[in-house]
Protein backbone atom coordinates (compact mmCIF):
# COMPACT_ATOMS: atom_id res chain seq x y z
CA UNK A 1 208.19 54.38 41.33
CA UNK A 2 205.61 51.69 41.61
CA UNK A 3 205.92 47.87 42.02
CA UNK A 4 204.88 46.03 38.92
CA UNK A 5 204.63 42.58 37.63
CA UNK A 6 206.69 41.79 34.61
CA UNK A 7 204.78 39.42 32.25
CA UNK A 8 206.74 38.47 29.14
CA UNK A 9 204.99 36.71 26.49
CA UNK A 10 206.29 35.20 23.08
CA UNK A 11 206.79 37.79 20.38
CA UNK A 12 204.20 36.52 18.04
CA UNK A 13 201.42 37.06 20.61
CA UNK A 14 199.06 39.45 19.20
CA UNK A 15 197.53 42.35 21.35
CA UNK A 16 194.03 41.28 20.46
CA UNK A 17 194.24 37.88 21.39
CA UNK A 18 196.12 38.61 24.83
CA UNK A 19 193.50 41.27 25.60
CA UNK A 20 190.70 38.83 24.90
CA UNK A 21 192.31 36.22 27.11
CA UNK A 22 192.93 39.14 29.87
CA UNK A 23 189.13 39.97 29.70
CA UNK A 24 188.08 36.35 30.15
CA UNK A 25 190.26 35.81 33.02
CA UNK A 26 188.96 39.00 34.74
CA UNK A 27 185.41 37.70 34.39
CA UNK A 28 184.09 39.50 31.20
CA UNK A 29 181.66 37.55 28.70
CA UNK A 30 182.57 36.03 25.73
CA UNK A 31 180.30 36.92 22.80
CA UNK A 32 180.49 35.00 19.69
CA UNK A 33 180.12 36.84 16.17
CA UNK A 34 179.71 35.62 12.72
CA UNK A 35 180.58 36.82 9.23
CA UNK A 36 180.21 35.68 5.79
CA UNK A 37 183.18 33.95 4.28
CA UNK A 38 182.69 35.97 1.07
CA UNK A 39 183.35 39.76 1.29
CA UNK A 40 180.67 42.29 0.99
CA UNK A 41 180.32 44.97 -1.45
CA UNK A 42 183.38 46.89 -0.26
CA UNK A 43 185.57 43.90 0.15
CA UNK A 44 184.92 43.82 3.96
CA UNK A 45 183.47 40.63 5.52
CA UNK A 46 179.83 41.22 6.03
CA UNK A 47 178.41 40.55 9.76
CA UNK A 48 175.66 38.18 10.10
CA UNK A 49 173.53 37.28 13.31
CA UNK A 50 173.00 33.69 12.97
CA UNK A 51 175.56 31.11 11.97
CA UNK A 52 175.20 29.13 8.59
CA UNK A 53 177.36 27.02 6.41
CA UNK A 54 178.60 30.23 4.77
CA UNK A 55 179.81 31.86 7.81
CA UNK A 56 183.07 32.07 10.28
CA UNK A 57 182.66 32.22 13.67
CA UNK A 58 184.99 34.39 16.08
CA UNK A 59 184.85 35.51 19.65
CA UNK A 60 184.77 38.91 21.11
CA UNK A 61 185.02 40.07 24.62
CA UNK A 62 182.82 43.18 25.33
CA UNK A 63 184.35 45.45 27.94
CA UNK A 64 188.00 45.24 26.41
CA UNK A 65 189.06 48.12 24.65
CA UNK A 66 192.58 48.24 22.95
CA UNK A 67 193.96 51.71 21.74
CA UNK A 68 197.38 52.96 20.65
CA UNK A 69 199.13 54.85 23.46
CA UNK A 70 199.49 58.58 21.58
CA UNK A 71 202.51 59.33 23.84
CA UNK A 72 204.52 56.18 23.18
CA UNK A 73 204.06 54.55 19.97
CA UNK A 74 205.54 51.32 21.15
CA UNK A 75 202.46 50.65 23.59
CA UNK A 76 198.88 50.24 23.57
CA UNK A 77 196.40 50.72 26.40
CA UNK A 78 194.25 47.70 27.29
CA UNK A 79 191.28 48.92 29.34
CA UNK A 80 188.73 46.45 31.12
CA UNK A 81 185.32 47.81 31.79
CA UNK A 82 182.62 45.61 33.61
CA UNK A 83 181.95 43.48 36.61
CA UNK A 84 185.47 42.31 37.27
CA UNK A 85 186.45 39.21 39.37
CA UNK A 86 188.11 41.60 42.31
CA UNK A 87 184.90 43.93 42.38
CA UNK A 88 186.34 46.57 40.36
CA UNK A 89 184.51 48.27 37.54
CA UNK A 90 187.74 49.02 35.42
CA UNK A 91 191.45 48.27 35.07
CA UNK A 92 194.15 49.48 32.62
CA UNK A 93 197.31 48.08 31.65
CA UNK A 94 199.97 48.90 29.12
CA UNK A 95 200.98 46.35 26.22
CA UNK A 96 204.57 46.71 25.26
CA UNK A 97 205.39 45.87 21.59
CA UNK A 98 209.02 46.13 22.24
CA UNK A 99 210.44 44.34 25.30
CA UNK A 100 213.87 45.14 26.88
CA UNK A 101 215.08 41.97 25.70
CA UNK A 102 213.74 42.37 22.18
CA UNK A 103 212.30 38.79 22.08
CA UNK A 104 208.94 39.13 23.63
CA UNK A 105 205.86 41.33 24.27
CA UNK A 106 204.84 42.28 27.71
CA UNK A 107 202.65 43.89 30.11
CA UNK A 108 203.72 45.31 33.28
CA UNK A 109 200.88 46.25 35.70
CA UNK A 110 200.93 47.05 39.37
CA UNK A 111 201.94 43.93 41.69
CA UNK A 112 198.46 43.01 43.06
CA UNK A 113 196.80 39.82 43.47
CA UNK A 114 194.58 40.61 40.45
CA UNK A 115 197.25 41.34 38.09
CA UNK A 116 199.51 38.59 39.23
CA UNK A 117 196.53 36.17 38.56
CA UNK A 118 195.72 37.51 35.20
CA UNK A 119 199.51 37.46 34.14
CA UNK A 120 199.74 33.82 35.26
CA UNK A 121 196.75 33.03 33.01
CA UNK A 122 198.32 34.80 30.28
CA UNK A 123 201.57 32.72 30.69
CA UNK A 124 199.43 29.60 31.23
CA UNK A 125 197.48 30.19 28.02
CA UNK A 126 200.48 31.60 25.79
CA UNK A 127 203.75 30.59 27.39
CA UNK A 128 206.23 33.02 28.76
CA UNK A 129 207.83 34.27 32.04
CA UNK A 130 206.42 36.09 35.01
CA UNK A 131 208.05 38.01 37.75
CA UNK A 132 205.57 38.70 40.64
CA UNK A 133 207.37 41.88 41.74
CA UNK A 134 210.02 43.75 39.61
CA UNK A 135 211.77 45.09 42.92
CA UNK A 136 212.58 41.52 43.95
CA UNK A 137 215.94 39.79 43.08
CA UNK A 138 214.16 36.92 41.37
CA UNK A 139 214.91 36.70 37.54
CA UNK A 140 211.63 34.47 36.77
CA UNK A 141 209.09 33.22 39.27
CA UNK A 142 206.77 31.46 36.77
CA UNK A 143 207.46 30.02 33.53
CA UNK A 144 205.65 27.98 30.74
CA UNK A 145 206.87 27.02 27.13
CA UNK A 146 205.17 28.73 24.29
CA UNK A 147 201.80 27.38 23.30
CA UNK A 148 200.84 29.99 20.80
CA UNK A 149 200.77 30.63 17.11
CA UNK A 150 199.25 33.62 15.44
CA UNK A 151 199.25 31.79 12.11
CA UNK A 152 195.78 32.50 10.76
CA UNK A 153 196.38 31.13 7.40
CA UNK A 154 195.96 27.72 9.03
CA UNK A 155 192.40 27.16 9.89
CA UNK A 156 193.41 24.35 12.27
CA UNK A 157 195.71 26.56 14.46
CA UNK A 158 193.25 29.43 14.52
CA UNK A 159 190.23 27.23 15.41
CA UNK A 160 192.27 25.34 18.22
CA UNK A 161 193.39 28.82 19.67
CA UNK A 162 189.48 30.10 19.57
CA UNK A 163 188.48 26.85 21.13
CA UNK A 164 191.21 27.38 23.89
CA UNK A 165 189.88 30.75 24.67
CA UNK A 166 186.13 29.50 24.91
CA UNK A 167 187.42 26.94 27.59
CA UNK A 168 189.21 29.50 29.78
CA UNK A 169 187.92 29.65 33.21
CA UNK A 170 187.31 33.07 34.49
CA UNK A 171 189.38 33.64 37.64
CA UNK A 172 187.92 33.51 41.13
CA UNK A 173 188.49 35.31 44.60
CA UNK A 174 190.19 32.10 45.41
CA UNK A 175 192.60 32.48 42.59
CA UNK A 176 193.40 35.84 43.73
CA UNK A 177 193.86 34.69 47.57
CA UNK A 178 196.39 32.09 46.40
CA UNK A 179 198.82 34.62 45.07
CA UNK A 180 197.93 37.52 47.36
CA UNK A 181 201.03 37.21 49.59
CA UNK A 182 203.26 37.38 46.52
CA UNK A 183 201.76 40.66 45.41
CA UNK A 184 203.91 44.04 46.05
CA UNK A 185 200.66 45.75 46.97
CA UNK A 186 198.13 44.49 49.71
CA UNK A 187 194.56 44.62 48.48
CA UNK A 188 192.74 42.85 51.34
CA UNK A 189 189.54 44.87 50.48
CA UNK A 190 188.86 42.50 47.82
CA UNK A 191 188.29 39.64 50.15
CA UNK A 192 185.95 41.54 52.37
CA UNK A 193 182.62 39.74 52.57
CA UNK A 194 183.95 36.86 51.00
């Protein structure tokens, strides 16, 4: 059995929001997209290239892919592809829609400096709790109060969250070095040539 980070987030955190934050923290670019406020002919918002007074703007993070896990319906696979902060081109983690305690969402990736840093950033953004290595005796290594609402009916709440995403600073190798000693797996190769 592997040693994993346990990252518990508030129960109303959407996998789409969390995966975008993961991608931004990992170093993937943000791309803004625009769609017309009124729906197109099939009732679907029409994408447009340039913003106008009749468009809404939202962000995407190319390189982040979320798909349902076919073997376990309570999970989704989050894949990152691109030039990532640790020098890797791809990472995978599993999103748990149902946590052990029933009151949160979680991811439980391998306990590496990369994933501890990502999970710390998730907890800073959304609130939640973090255990750096699930085989430790700790019940909580890092905690923040909830800072999130997925209420998209209120444009102000939605815009505030989108602004917060735009303001996320991608992780650096220095961030990974800070938590390297806390990881269950040693990954010194990511610091070579640094």
